[in-house]
Amino acid sequence: MLEPLLADARDDDNVVGVVVFGSRGKGAFVTESSDWDVFVVVRELRGDRPFERGSGLEIVEVTLAGLRNPPAWQRYSLAWLEPRLDKTGEVAAAMREALVVDPASAAEPLDGYVNMYYRSAKNAAAGLPFASLLDAQESLPWFLEFVFAVHGRVRPYNKWLEWELETHPLAWNELPLLERIARSGSLDDQRTLFRQAEAIARAHGLGGVIDGWEPDVAWLRGE
């Protein structure tokens, strides 16, 4: 299914390259029914290959500039891939640029994580267990955004989280802890995660974000 597209792309002067993404691109979670998700990188958008949702070959035409600066939700789709066709080397360079993460940007999701954990702990103290659980669950995406960003990486989609940590490990890997928090909102588990987040933050020069939560930091630690 892919080969005719690649042959056509090689002969098309408007095409710079082809990138297979999704399960087939990363080589995981592939089944017989898996479709082919493909970026066709073009110099000029002409609509020569319209997107057809549900097709066995779902083509998205994108310019080099679009590949270099994708929407935030689309960035992880480019992680751990190599172009299937790259006529000039610009496609691979654009993909690398799209995945650049400044570790300093982890400050915002770290603060967001602490905020949701703080709300969860306060709601638990106020006798609002459902609100506390929801806040605990909402804290986890913020934490994941933080822990990947502080290591200069894009947070993976949830489907790919376990795969990511198995194949491209971080220094942190406590998924069972996150699962317990998601299921129960346990304050003991949340305190453990906060202490881990604080240690990571301070090790990467983001201790000021934690200190901004004084005088409640010791309470958040569970001390």
N, C-alpha and C. Protein backbone atom coordinates (compact mmCIF):
# COMPACT_ATOMS: atom_id res chain seq x y z
N MET A 1 0.83 -1.21 0.00
CA MET A 1 0.00 0.00 0.00
C MET A 1 0.86 1.26 0.00
N LEU A 2 2.01 1.20 0.69
CA LEU A 2 2.88 2.37 0.78
C LEU A 2 3.73 2.57 -0.46
N GLU A 3 4.16 1.48 -1.08
CA GLU A 3 5.12 1.58 -2.19
C GLU A 3 4.63 2.44 -3.36
N PRO A 4 3.37 2.32 -3.80
CA PRO A 4 2.91 3.20 -4.89
C PRO A 4 3.00 4.67 -4.51
N LEU A 5 2.70 4.98 -3.24
CA LEU A 5 2.80 6.37 -2.79
C LEU A 5 4.25 6.84 -2.83
N LEU A 6 5.17 6.00 -2.36
CA LEU A 6 6.58 6.38 -2.38
C LEU A 6 7.09 6.57 -3.81
N ALA A 7 6.66 5.71 -4.72
CA ALA A 7 7.08 5.83 -6.12
C ALA A 7 6.57 7.14 -6.71
N ASP A 8 5.30 7.45 -6.42
CA ASP A 8 4.73 8.71 -6.91
C ASP A 8 5.46 9.91 -6.31
N ALA A 9 5.78 9.82 -5.00
CA ALA A 9 6.44 10.93 -4.32
C ALA A 9 7.84 11.17 -4.87
N ARG A 10 8.54 10.11 -5.22
CA ARG A 10 9.89 10.27 -5.77
C ARG A 10 9.88 11.04 -7.08
N ASP A 11 8.81 10.89 -7.85
CA ASP A 11 8.73 11.54 -9.16
C ASP A 11 8.09 12.92 -9.11
N ASP A 12 7.58 13.30 -7.94
CA ASP A 12 6.87 14.58 -7.81
C ASP A 12 7.83 15.63 -7.28
N ASP A 13 8.12 16.64 -8.08
CA ASP A 13 9.06 17.68 -7.67
C ASP A 13 8.55 18.52 -6.51
N ASN A 14 7.23 18.50 -6.28
CA ASN A 14 6.66 19.26 -5.16
C ASN A 14 6.84 18.54 -3.84
N VAL A 15 7.15 17.25 -3.87
CA VAL A 15 7.29 16.45 -2.65
C VAL A 15 8.74 16.46 -2.18
N VAL A 16 8.93 16.78 -0.91
CA VAL A 16 10.26 16.77 -0.30
C VAL A 16 10.54 15.44 0.39
N GLY A 17 9.49 14.85 0.98
CA GLY A 17 9.71 13.61 1.71
C GLY A 17 8.41 12.98 2.17
N VAL A 18 8.55 11.80 2.76
CA VAL A 18 7.42 11.03 3.26
C VAL A 18 7.78 10.49 4.64
N VAL A 19 6.85 10.64 5.58
CA VAL A 19 7.05 10.15 6.94
C VAL A 19 5.88 9.27 7.33
N VAL A 20 6.15 8.04 7.70
CA VAL A 20 5.11 7.16 8.23
C VAL A 20 5.09 7.31 9.74
N PHE A 21 3.92 7.61 10.30
CA PHE A 21 3.81 7.77 11.75
C PHE A 21 2.77 6.80 12.29
N GLY A 22 2.38 6.97 13.54
CA GLY A 22 1.43 6.03 14.14
C GLY A 22 2.10 4.70 14.45
N SER A 23 1.28 3.66 14.59
CA SER A 23 1.79 2.34 14.98
C SER A 23 2.78 1.79 13.97
N ARG A 24 2.49 1.94 12.69
CA ARG A 24 3.40 1.41 11.67
C ARG A 24 4.71 2.19 11.64
N GLY A 25 4.64 3.47 11.93
CA GLY A 25 5.86 4.27 11.94
C GLY A 25 6.80 3.87 13.08
N LYS A 26 6.23 3.66 14.27
CA LYS A 26 7.04 3.32 15.43
C LYS A 26 7.28 1.81 15.53
N GLY A 27 6.54 1.03 14.77
CA GLY A 27 6.74 -0.41 14.79
C GLY A 27 6.25 -1.07 16.05
N ALA A 28 5.14 -0.58 16.60
CA ALA A 28 4.55 -1.16 17.80
C ALA A 28 3.03 -1.06 17.70
N PHE A 29 2.34 -1.99 18.37
CA PHE A 29 0.88 -2.05 18.35
C PHE A 29 0.33 -2.25 16.93
N VAL A 30 1.12 -2.87 16.08
CA VAL A 30 0.69 -3.08 14.69
C VAL A 30 -0.13 -4.37 14.61
N THR A 31 -1.29 -4.28 13.98
CA THR A 31 -2.12 -5.45 13.71
C THR A 31 -2.40 -5.51 12.21
N GLU A 32 -3.05 -6.59 11.80
CA GLU A 32 -3.39 -6.73 10.38
C GLU A 32 -4.29 -5.60 9.90
N SER A 33 -5.09 -5.06 10.82
CA SER A 33 -6.03 -4.00 10.44
C SER A 33 -5.45 -2.60 10.61
N SER A 34 -4.21 -2.50 11.06
CA SER A 34 -3.61 -1.17 11.25
C SER A 34 -3.50 -0.44 9.92
N ASP A 35 -3.95 0.82 9.92
CA ASP A 35 -3.82 1.60 8.69
C ASP A 35 -2.42 2.22 8.62
N TRP A 36 -2.16 2.88 7.52
CA TRP A 36 -0.90 3.60 7.33
C TRP A 36 -1.18 5.09 7.49
N ASP A 37 -0.55 5.69 8.49
CA ASP A 37 -0.65 7.13 8.70
C ASP A 37 0.61 7.77 8.12
N VAL A 38 0.42 8.69 7.18
CA VAL A 38 1.56 9.18 6.41
C VAL A 38 1.50 10.70 6.29
N PHE A 39 2.62 11.35 6.62
CA PHE A 39 2.83 12.75 6.25
C PHE A 39 3.54 12.77 4.91
N VAL A 40 2.96 13.46 3.94
CA VAL A 40 3.65 13.75 2.69
C VAL A 40 4.09 15.21 2.78
N VAL A 41 5.40 15.41 2.83
CA VAL A 41 5.95 16.74 3.03
C VAL A 41 6.16 17.40 1.67
N VAL A 42 5.51 18.54 1.50
CA VAL A 42 5.51 19.20 0.19
C VAL A 42 6.05 20.62 0.30
N ARG A 43 6.51 21.13 -0.84
CA ARG A 43 6.97 22.52 -0.87
C ARG A 43 5.79 23.48 -0.86
N GLU A 44 4.72 23.07 -1.51
CA GLU A 44 3.53 23.93 -1.62
C GLU A 44 2.28 23.05 -1.47
N LEU A 45 1.37 23.48 -0.59
CA LEU A 45 0.13 22.74 -0.40
C LEU A 45 -0.79 22.96 -1.60
N ARG A 46 -1.10 21.88 -2.29
CA ARG A 46 -1.96 21.96 -3.47
C ARG A 46 -3.20 21.08 -3.35
N GLY A 47 -3.26 20.28 -2.32
CA GLY A 47 -4.39 19.37 -2.16
C GLY A 47 -4.35 18.20 -3.12
N ASP A 48 -3.15 17.82 -3.57
CA ASP A 48 -3.03 16.71 -4.53
C ASP A 48 -3.41 15.38 -3.91
N ARG A 49 -3.26 15.27 -2.59
CA ARG A 49 -3.52 14.00 -1.89
C ARG A 49 -4.44 14.29 -0.71
N PRO A 50 -5.73 14.39 -0.94
CA PRO A 50 -6.66 14.75 0.14
C PRO A 50 -6.72 13.68 1.22
N PHE A 51 -6.92 14.13 2.43
CA PHE A 51 -7.03 13.23 3.58
C PHE A 51 -8.37 12.49 3.53
N GLU A 52 -8.32 11.18 3.74
CA GLU A 52 -9.54 10.37 3.77
C GLU A 52 -9.55 9.56 5.06
N ARG A 53 -10.32 10.04 6.04
CA ARG A 53 -10.39 9.34 7.32
C ARG A 53 -11.02 7.96 7.12
N GLY A 54 -10.41 6.95 7.75
CA GLY A 54 -10.91 5.60 7.64
C GLY A 54 -10.31 4.82 6.49
N SER A 55 -9.56 5.50 5.61
CA SER A 55 -8.90 4.82 4.52
C SER A 55 -7.74 3.99 5.06
N GLY A 56 -7.36 2.95 4.36
CA GLY A 56 -6.21 2.16 4.77
C GLY A 56 -4.92 2.94 4.69
N LEU A 57 -4.92 4.03 3.89
CA LEU A 57 -3.77 4.91 3.74
C LEU A 57 -4.24 6.33 4.00
N GLU A 58 -4.00 6.81 5.21
CA GLU A 58 -4.46 8.15 5.60
C GLU A 58 -3.30 9.13 5.40
N ILE A 59 -3.41 9.96 4.39
CA ILE A 59 -2.34 10.87 4.00
C ILE A 59 -2.65 12.28 4.51
N VAL A 60 -1.65 12.87 5.12
CA VAL A 60 -1.73 14.27 5.55
C VAL A 60 -0.62 15.02 4.84
N GLU A 61 -0.98 15.95 3.97
CA GLU A 61 0.04 16.79 3.33
C GLU A 61 0.42 17.92 4.26
N VAL A 62 1.72 18.18 4.37
CA VAL A 62 2.22 19.20 5.26
C VAL A 62 3.47 19.82 4.63
N THR A 63 3.66 21.10 4.84
CA THR A 63 4.87 21.76 4.37
C THR A 63 6.01 21.51 5.37
N LEU A 64 7.21 21.83 4.95
CA LEU A 64 8.34 21.73 5.87
C LEU A 64 8.14 22.61 7.09
N ALA A 65 7.60 23.81 6.87
CA ALA A 65 7.34 24.71 8.00
C ALA A 65 6.31 24.10 8.95
N GLY A 66 5.29 23.47 8.39
CA GLY A 66 4.28 22.82 9.23
C GLY A 66 4.84 21.64 9.98
N LEU A 67 5.74 20.90 9.36
CA LEU A 67 6.38 19.78 10.03
C LEU A 67 7.29 20.26 11.15
N ARG A 68 7.93 21.37 10.92
CA ARG A 68 8.87 21.93 11.89
C ARG A 68 8.15 22.52 13.09
N ASN A 69 6.95 23.04 12.86
CA ASN A 69 6.17 23.69 13.92
C ASN A 69 4.76 23.11 13.98
N PRO A 70 4.62 21.84 14.35
CA PRO A 70 3.29 21.23 14.38
C PRO A 70 2.49 21.72 15.57
N PRO A 71 1.18 21.52 15.56
CA PRO A 71 0.39 21.81 16.77
C PRO A 71 0.93 20.99 17.93
N ALA A 72 0.77 21.50 19.14
CA ALA A 72 1.32 20.82 20.31
C ALA A 72 0.83 19.38 20.42
N TRP A 73 -0.44 19.16 20.09
CA TRP A 73 -1.00 17.81 20.24
C TRP A 73 -0.40 16.83 19.23
N GLN A 74 0.20 17.34 18.19
CA GLN A 74 0.71 16.48 17.11
C GLN A 74 2.19 16.16 17.25
N ARG A 75 2.88 16.82 18.15
CA ARG A 75 4.34 16.71 18.20
C ARG A 75 4.80 15.28 18.45
N TYR A 76 4.16 14.59 19.38
CA TYR A 76 4.66 13.26 19.73
C TYR A 76 4.56 12.29 18.56
N SER A 77 3.66 12.56 17.63
CA SER A 77 3.54 11.65 16.48
C SER A 77 4.85 11.57 15.69
N LEU A 78 5.74 12.55 15.86
CA LEU A 78 7.01 12.57 15.13
C LEU A 78 8.16 11.93 15.90
N ALA A 79 7.91 11.53 17.14
CA ALA A 79 8.99 11.02 17.97
C ALA A 79 9.44 9.63 17.54
N TRP A 80 10.75 9.42 17.56
CA TRP A 80 11.37 8.13 17.30
C TRP A 80 11.08 7.60 15.90
N LEU A 81 11.03 8.50 14.93
CA LEU A 81 10.79 8.13 13.55
C LEU A 81 11.96 8.57 12.67
N GLU A 82 12.10 7.89 11.54
CA GLU A 82 12.98 8.32 10.47
C GLU A 82 12.14 8.43 9.20
N PRO A 83 12.39 9.44 8.37
CA PRO A 83 11.60 9.58 7.13
C PRO A 83 11.77 8.35 6.24
N ARG A 84 10.69 7.96 5.56
CA ARG A 84 10.80 6.90 4.55
C ARG A 84 11.37 7.46 3.25
N LEU A 85 11.22 8.77 3.06
CA LEU A 85 11.78 9.45 1.90
C LEU A 85 12.17 10.85 2.34
N ASP A 86 13.40 11.23 2.03
CA ASP A 86 13.89 12.56 2.40
C ASP A 86 14.87 12.99 1.31
N LYS A 87 14.38 13.74 0.35
CA LYS A 87 15.16 14.06 -0.83
C LYS A 87 16.34 14.99 -0.55
N THR A 88 16.18 15.82 0.47
CA THR A 88 17.19 16.86 0.70
C THR A 88 17.81 16.82 2.10
N GLY A 89 17.30 15.99 2.98
CA GLY A 89 17.73 15.99 4.37
C GLY A 89 16.96 16.97 5.23
N GLU A 90 16.12 17.80 4.58
CA GLU A 90 15.37 18.81 5.33
C GLU A 90 14.26 18.21 6.17
N VAL A 91 13.72 17.07 5.75
CA VAL A 91 12.62 16.47 6.49
C VAL A 91 13.09 15.98 7.86
N ALA A 92 14.19 15.25 7.88
CA ALA A 92 14.73 14.77 9.15
C ALA A 92 15.10 15.94 10.06
N ALA A 93 15.66 17.00 9.49
CA ALA A 93 16.04 18.17 10.28
C ALA A 93 14.80 18.84 10.87
N ALA A 94 13.72 18.94 10.08
CA ALA A 94 12.48 19.54 10.57
C ALA A 94 11.87 18.72 11.68
N MET A 95 11.93 17.40 11.56
CA MET A 95 11.39 16.53 12.61
C MET A 95 12.17 16.69 13.91
N ARG A 96 13.48 16.78 13.81
CA ARG A 96 14.29 16.98 15.02
C ARG A 96 13.94 18.30 15.69
N GLU A 97 13.76 19.33 14.87
CA GLU A 97 13.43 20.65 15.42
C GLU A 97 12.07 20.64 16.09
N ALA A 98 11.12 19.91 15.53
CA ALA A 98 9.77 19.85 16.10
C ALA A 98 9.76 19.23 17.48
N LEU A 99 10.75 18.40 17.77
CA LEU A 99 10.78 17.67 19.04
C LEU A 99 11.67 18.31 20.09
N VAL A 100 12.23 19.48 19.78
CA VAL A 100 13.07 20.17 20.76
C VAL A 100 12.20 20.69 21.91
N VAL A 101 12.58 20.35 23.12
CA VAL A 101 11.87 20.83 24.31
C VAL A 101 12.89 21.49 25.24
N ASP A 102 12.64 22.73 25.61
CA ASP A 102 13.50 23.44 26.55
C ASP A 102 13.16 22.95 27.96
N PRO A 103 14.10 22.34 28.68
CA PRO A 103 13.79 21.86 30.03
C PRO A 103 13.24 22.94 30.95
N ALA A 104 13.58 24.20 30.70
CA ALA A 104 13.05 25.28 31.53
C ALA A 104 11.54 25.40 31.40
N SER A 105 10.99 24.93 30.27
CA SER A 105 9.54 24.99 30.07
C SER A 105 8.80 24.06 31.01
N ALA A 106 9.52 23.18 31.72
CA ALA A 106 8.88 22.27 32.67
C ALA A 106 8.34 22.99 33.89
N ALA A 107 8.73 24.24 34.08
CA ALA A 107 8.27 24.98 35.26
C ALA A 107 6.74 25.11 35.27
N GLU A 108 6.16 25.40 34.12
CA GLU A 108 4.70 25.61 34.08
C GLU A 108 3.91 24.33 34.41
N PRO A 109 4.20 23.19 33.75
CA PRO A 109 3.45 22.00 34.12
C PRO A 109 3.77 21.52 35.54
N LEU A 110 4.97 21.79 36.05
CA LEU A 110 5.26 21.45 37.44
C LEU A 110 4.33 22.23 38.37
N ASP A 111 4.19 23.51 38.12
CA ASP A 111 3.30 24.33 38.94
C ASP A 111 1.85 23.86 38.80
N GLY A 112 1.45 23.49 37.58
CA GLY A 112 0.10 22.97 37.37
C GLY A 112 -0.13 21.68 38.14
N TYR A 113 0.88 20.81 38.15
CA TYR A 113 0.77 19.55 38.90
C TYR A 113 0.59 19.84 40.39
N VAL A 114 1.46 20.69 40.95
CA VAL A 114 1.37 20.97 42.38
C VAL A 114 0.02 21.60 42.72
N ASN A 115 -0.47 22.46 41.85
CA ASN A 115 -1.76 23.10 42.08
C ASN A 115 -2.88 22.06 42.21
N MET A 116 -2.91 21.08 41.29
CA MET A 116 -3.98 20.08 41.33
C MET A 116 -3.81 19.14 42.53
N TYR A 117 -2.57 18.79 42.88
CA TYR A 117 -2.34 17.97 44.06
C TYR A 117 -2.79 18.72 45.31
N TYR A 118 -2.46 20.00 45.40
CA TYR A 118 -2.86 20.84 46.55
C TYR A 118 -4.39 20.85 46.68
N ARG A 119 -5.07 21.02 45.54
CA ARG A 119 -6.54 21.03 45.57
C ARG A 119 -7.08 19.68 46.04
N SER A 120 -6.46 18.60 45.56
CA SER A 120 -6.89 17.27 45.97
C SER A 120 -6.74 17.08 47.47
N ALA A 121 -5.59 17.47 47.99
CA ALA A 121 -5.35 17.32 49.43
C ALA A 121 -6.31 18.18 50.24
N LYS A 122 -6.57 19.40 49.80
CA LYS A 122 -7.51 20.27 50.50
C LYS A 122 -8.92 19.71 50.47
N ASN A 123 -9.34 19.18 49.34
CA ASN A 123 -10.68 18.61 49.24
C ASN A 123 -10.82 17.37 50.11
N ALA A 124 -9.76 16.57 50.20
CA ALA A 124 -9.80 15.40 51.08
C ALA A 124 -9.96 15.83 52.53
N ALA A 125 -9.23 16.88 52.91
CA ALA A 125 -9.33 17.39 54.29
C ALA A 125 -10.71 17.96 54.59
N ALA A 126 -11.37 18.47 53.55
CA ALA A 126 -12.70 19.05 53.72
C ALA A 126 -13.82 18.01 53.63
N GLY A 127 -13.46 16.74 53.48
CA GLY A 127 -14.47 15.70 53.40
C GLY A 127 -15.16 15.64 52.06
N LEU A 128 -14.43 15.94 50.99
CA LEU A 128 -14.98 15.91 49.63
C LEU A 128 -14.20 14.88 48.81
N PRO A 129 -14.44 13.58 49.04
CA PRO A 129 -13.60 12.55 48.42
C PRO A 129 -13.70 12.50 46.91
N PHE A 130 -14.88 12.74 46.34
CA PHE A 130 -15.00 12.67 44.88
C PHE A 130 -14.23 13.82 44.23
N ALA A 131 -14.39 15.03 44.79
CA ALA A 131 -13.63 16.17 44.26
C ALA A 131 -12.13 15.92 44.40
N SER A 132 -11.73 15.33 45.52
CA SER A 132 -10.32 15.03 45.75
C SER A 132 -9.80 14.05 44.71
N LEU A 133 -10.59 13.01 44.42
CA LEU A 133 -10.18 12.03 43.42
C LEU A 133 -10.04 12.66 42.04
N LEU A 134 -11.01 13.49 41.66
CA LEU A 134 -10.94 14.13 40.35
C LEU A 134 -9.70 15.02 40.23
N ASP A 135 -9.42 15.76 41.30
CA ASP A 135 -8.22 16.62 41.26
C ASP A 135 -6.95 15.78 41.19
N ALA A 136 -6.93 14.66 41.92
CA ALA A 136 -5.77 13.77 41.86
C ALA A 136 -5.55 13.26 40.44
N GLN A 137 -6.64 12.86 39.79
CA GLN A 137 -6.54 12.38 38.41
C GLN A 137 -6.07 13.48 37.48
N GLU A 138 -6.58 14.70 37.69
CA GLU A 138 -6.19 15.81 36.82
C GLU A 138 -4.74 16.24 37.03
N SER A 139 -4.19 15.90 38.19
CA SER A 139 -2.79 16.27 38.45
C SER A 139 -1.82 15.45 37.60
N LEU A 140 -2.24 14.25 37.19
CA LEU A 140 -1.29 13.33 36.54
C LEU A 140 -0.83 13.80 35.16
N PRO A 141 -1.74 14.29 34.29
CA PRO A 141 -1.23 14.83 33.01
C PRO A 141 -0.22 15.96 33.20
N TRP A 142 -0.46 16.81 34.19
CA TRP A 142 0.49 17.88 34.48
C TRP A 142 1.83 17.30 34.91
N PHE A 143 1.80 16.29 35.77
CA PHE A 143 3.04 15.67 36.22
C PHE A 143 3.80 15.07 35.05
N LEU A 144 3.10 14.34 34.19
CA LEU A 144 3.78 13.71 33.05
C LEU A 144 4.37 14.75 32.11
N GLU A 145 3.62 15.83 31.88
CA GLU A 145 4.16 16.91 31.04
C GLU A 145 5.46 17.44 31.65
N PHE A 146 5.45 17.62 32.96
CA PHE A 146 6.63 18.11 33.67
C PHE A 146 7.80 17.14 33.56
N VAL A 147 7.58 15.87 33.87
CA VAL A 147 8.70 14.95 33.99
C VAL A 147 9.35 14.67 32.63
N PHE A 148 8.57 14.73 31.56
CA PHE A 148 9.19 14.58 30.24
C PHE A 148 9.88 15.88 29.81
N ALA A 149 9.23 17.01 30.05
CA ALA A 149 9.81 18.29 29.62
C ALA A 149 11.13 18.57 30.34
N VAL A 150 11.20 18.23 31.62
CA VAL A 150 12.41 18.53 32.37
C VAL A 150 13.59 17.70 31.86
N HIS A 151 13.28 16.60 31.18
CA HIS A 151 14.32 15.80 30.53
C HIS A 151 14.45 16.12 29.04
N GLY A 152 13.82 17.22 28.61
CA GLY A 152 13.97 17.67 27.23
C GLY A 152 13.19 16.83 26.23
N ARG A 153 12.08 16.24 26.67
CA ARG A 153 11.32 15.35 25.80
C ARG A 153 9.84 15.71 25.78
N VAL A 154 9.21 15.33 24.68
CA VAL A 154 7.77 15.56 24.51
C VAL A 154 7.01 14.46 25.24
N ARG A 155 5.98 14.83 25.98
CA ARG A 155 5.16 13.83 26.66
C ARG A 155 4.47 12.93 25.63
N PRO A 156 4.55 11.61 25.81
CA PRO A 156 3.89 10.72 24.85
C PRO A 156 2.38 10.70 25.03
N TYR A 157 1.69 10.29 23.98
CA TYR A 157 0.27 10.00 24.12
C TYR A 157 0.10 8.89 25.14
N ASN A 158 -1.05 8.82 25.79
CA ASN A 158 -1.26 7.82 26.83
C ASN A 158 -1.04 6.39 26.31
N LYS A 159 -1.47 6.14 25.09
CA LYS A 159 -1.29 4.81 24.50
C LYS A 159 0.18 4.40 24.48
N TRP A 160 1.04 5.38 24.32
CA TRP A 160 2.47 5.09 24.12
C TRP A 160 3.30 5.27 25.38
N LEU A 161 2.67 5.59 26.52
CA LEU A 161 3.44 5.91 27.73
C LEU A 161 4.28 4.72 28.20
N GLU A 162 3.67 3.56 28.34
CA GLU A 162 4.43 2.40 28.81
C GLU A 162 5.52 2.02 27.80
N TRP A 163 5.17 2.03 26.53
CA TRP A 163 6.15 1.73 25.47
C TRP A 163 7.32 2.70 25.54
N GLU A 164 7.02 3.97 25.72
CA GLU A 164 8.05 5.01 25.76
C GLU A 164 9.05 4.75 26.88
N LEU A 165 8.52 4.46 28.07
CA LEU A 165 9.39 4.28 29.21
C LEU A 165 10.16 2.96 29.14
N GLU A 166 9.61 1.98 28.43
CA GLU A 166 10.31 0.71 28.27
C GLU A 166 11.43 0.81 27.22
N THR A 167 11.15 1.51 26.13
CA THR A 167 12.10 1.55 25.02
C THR A 167 13.03 2.76 25.07
N HIS A 168 12.60 3.83 25.72
CA HIS A 168 13.41 5.05 25.83
C HIS A 168 13.31 5.55 27.27
N PRO A 169 13.94 4.88 28.21
CA PRO A 169 13.72 5.13 29.64
C PRO A 169 14.08 6.55 30.08
N LEU A 170 13.37 7.00 31.10
CA LEU A 170 13.75 8.18 31.86
C LEU A 170 14.39 7.71 33.16
N ALA A 171 15.02 8.64 33.87
CA ALA A 171 15.52 8.31 35.20
C ALA A 171 14.34 7.99 36.13
N TRP A 172 13.19 8.61 35.86
CA TRP A 172 11.97 8.34 36.64
C TRP A 172 11.11 7.32 35.90
N ASN A 173 10.60 6.33 36.62
CA ASN A 173 9.63 5.39 36.05
C ASN A 173 8.83 4.78 37.18
N GLU A 174 7.70 5.40 37.50
CA GLU A 174 6.86 4.95 38.60
C GLU A 174 5.41 4.84 38.14
N LEU A 175 5.19 4.15 37.03
CA LEU A 175 3.82 4.06 36.51
C LEU A 175 2.85 3.38 37.47
N PRO A 176 3.26 2.35 38.22
CA PRO A 176 2.31 1.77 39.18
C PRO A 176 1.80 2.80 40.19
N LEU A 177 2.67 3.72 40.59
CA LEU A 177 2.27 4.78 41.51
C LEU A 177 1.22 5.67 40.87
N LEU A 178 1.41 6.04 39.61
CA LEU A 178 0.43 6.88 38.92
C LEU A 178 -0.90 6.14 38.79
N GLU A 179 -0.84 4.85 38.51
CA GLU A 179 -2.08 4.08 38.36
C GLU A 179 -2.85 4.04 39.67
N ARG A 180 -2.16 3.86 40.78
CA ARG A 180 -2.84 3.83 42.08
C ARG A 180 -3.50 5.18 42.36
N ILE A 181 -2.80 6.26 42.04
CA ILE A 181 -3.38 7.59 42.26
C ILE A 181 -4.61 7.78 41.39
N ALA A 182 -4.52 7.35 40.14
CA ALA A 182 -5.66 7.51 39.23
C ALA A 182 -6.87 6.72 39.71
N ARG A 183 -6.64 5.57 40.31
CA ARG A 183 -7.75 4.72 40.73
C ARG A 183 -8.34 5.12 42.08
N SER A 184 -7.49 5.54 43.00
CA SER A 184 -7.96 5.76 44.37
C SER A 184 -7.80 7.18 44.89
N GLY A 185 -6.88 7.93 44.29
CA GLY A 185 -6.60 9.27 44.82
C GLY A 185 -5.90 9.23 46.16
N SER A 186 -5.29 8.10 46.50
CA SER A 186 -4.64 7.95 47.80
C SER A 186 -3.71 9.11 48.13
N LEU A 187 -3.93 9.74 49.29
CA LEU A 187 -3.08 10.86 49.67
C LEU A 187 -1.65 10.39 49.98
N ASP A 188 -1.51 9.19 50.53
CA ASP A 188 -0.16 8.69 50.77
C ASP A 188 0.61 8.57 49.45
N ASP A 189 -0.05 8.04 48.42
CA ASP A 189 0.60 7.93 47.12
C ASP A 189 0.87 9.30 46.51
N GLN A 190 -0.06 10.22 46.69
CA GLN A 190 0.15 11.56 46.15
C GLN A 190 1.32 12.26 46.84
N ARG A 191 1.45 12.03 48.14
CA ARG A 191 2.59 12.61 48.86
C ARG A 191 3.91 12.03 48.34
N THR A 192 3.90 10.73 48.09
CA THR A 192 5.10 10.09 47.53
C THR A 192 5.47 10.70 46.19
N LEU A 193 4.46 10.88 45.32
CA LEU A 193 4.73 11.46 44.00
C LEU A 193 5.22 12.89 44.14
N PHE A 194 4.65 13.65 45.07
CA PHE A 194 5.11 15.02 45.25
C PHE A 194 6.57 15.05 45.67
N ARG A 195 6.96 14.16 46.59
CA ARG A 195 8.36 14.14 47.02
C ARG A 195 9.28 13.79 45.85
N GLN A 196 8.83 12.90 44.98
CA GLN A 196 9.61 12.58 43.78
C GLN A 196 9.70 13.79 42.86
N ALA A 197 8.57 14.46 42.66
CA ALA A 197 8.55 15.64 41.79
C ALA A 197 9.47 16.73 42.34
N GLU A 198 9.44 16.91 43.66
CA GLU A 198 10.30 17.93 44.26
C GLU A 198 11.78 17.60 44.04
N ALA A 199 12.14 16.33 44.23
CA ALA A 199 13.53 15.94 44.05
C ALA A 199 13.98 16.16 42.61
N ILE A 200 13.13 15.80 41.65
CA ILE A 200 13.46 16.02 40.24
C ILE A 200 13.59 17.51 39.94
N ALA A 201 12.64 18.28 40.46
CA ALA A 201 12.64 19.73 40.21
C ALA A 201 13.91 20.37 40.75
N ARG A 202 14.28 20.04 41.96
CA ARG A 202 15.46 20.66 42.55
C ARG A 202 16.73 20.21 41.83
N ALA A 203 16.76 18.97 41.37
CA ALA A 203 17.93 18.48 40.65
C ALA A 203 18.11 19.17 39.31
N HIS A 204 17.01 19.75 38.78
CA HIS A 204 17.07 20.40 37.47
C HIS A 204 16.88 21.92 37.56
N GLY A 205 17.12 22.47 38.74
CA GLY A 205 17.10 23.93 38.88
C GLY A 205 15.73 24.56 38.93
N LEU A 206 14.71 23.77 39.26
CA LEU A 206 13.35 24.30 39.31
C LEU A 206 12.79 24.30 40.74
N GLY A 207 13.69 24.31 41.70
CA GLY A 207 13.26 24.33 43.09
C GLY A 207 12.43 25.55 43.45
N GLY A 208 12.64 26.65 42.73
CA GLY A 208 11.87 27.86 43.00
C GLY A 208 10.38 27.66 42.82
N VAL A 209 9.99 26.79 41.89
CA VAL A 209 8.56 26.51 41.70
C VAL A 209 7.99 25.85 42.95
N ILE A 210 8.72 24.90 43.50
CA ILE A 210 8.28 24.25 44.73
C ILE A 210 8.24 25.25 45.88
N ASP A 211 9.28 26.06 45.99
CA ASP A 211 9.34 27.04 47.08
C ASP A 211 8.21 28.05 47.00
N GLY A 212 7.67 28.25 45.81
CA GLY A 212 6.54 29.16 45.65
C GLY A 212 5.28 28.68 46.36
N TRP A 213 5.27 27.43 46.78
CA TRP A 213 4.12 26.87 47.50
C TRP A 213 4.29 26.92 49.02
N GLU A 214 5.33 27.59 49.49
CA GLU A 214 5.46 27.81 50.93
C GLU A 214 4.32 28.71 51.41
N PRO A 215 3.81 28.51 52.64
CA PRO A 215 4.35 27.68 53.72
C PRO A 215 3.80 26.25 53.75
N ASP A 216 3.31 25.75 52.61
CA ASP A 216 2.63 24.47 52.61
C ASP A 216 3.48 23.31 52.09
N VAL A 217 4.76 23.54 51.78
CA VAL A 217 5.56 22.50 51.18
C VAL A 217 5.71 21.30 52.11
N ALA A 218 6.02 21.55 53.38
CA ALA A 218 6.16 20.43 54.32
C ALA A 218 4.85 19.64 54.43
N TRP A 219 3.74 20.35 54.43
CA TRP A 219 2.42 19.67 54.48
C TRP A 219 2.20 18.84 53.22
N LEU A 220 2.59 19.36 52.06
CA LEU A 220 2.44 18.61 50.82
C LEU A 220 3.34 17.37 50.81
N ARG A 221 4.49 17.46 51.45
CA ARG A 221 5.37 16.29 51.56
C ARG A 221 4.78 15.22 52.48
N GLY A 222 3.85 15.63 53.35
CA GLY A 222 3.30 14.71 54.34
C GLY A 222 4.06 14.72 55.63
N GLU A 223 4.82 15.79 55.87
CA GLU A 223 5.62 15.87 57.12
C GLU A 223 4.77 16.43 58.26
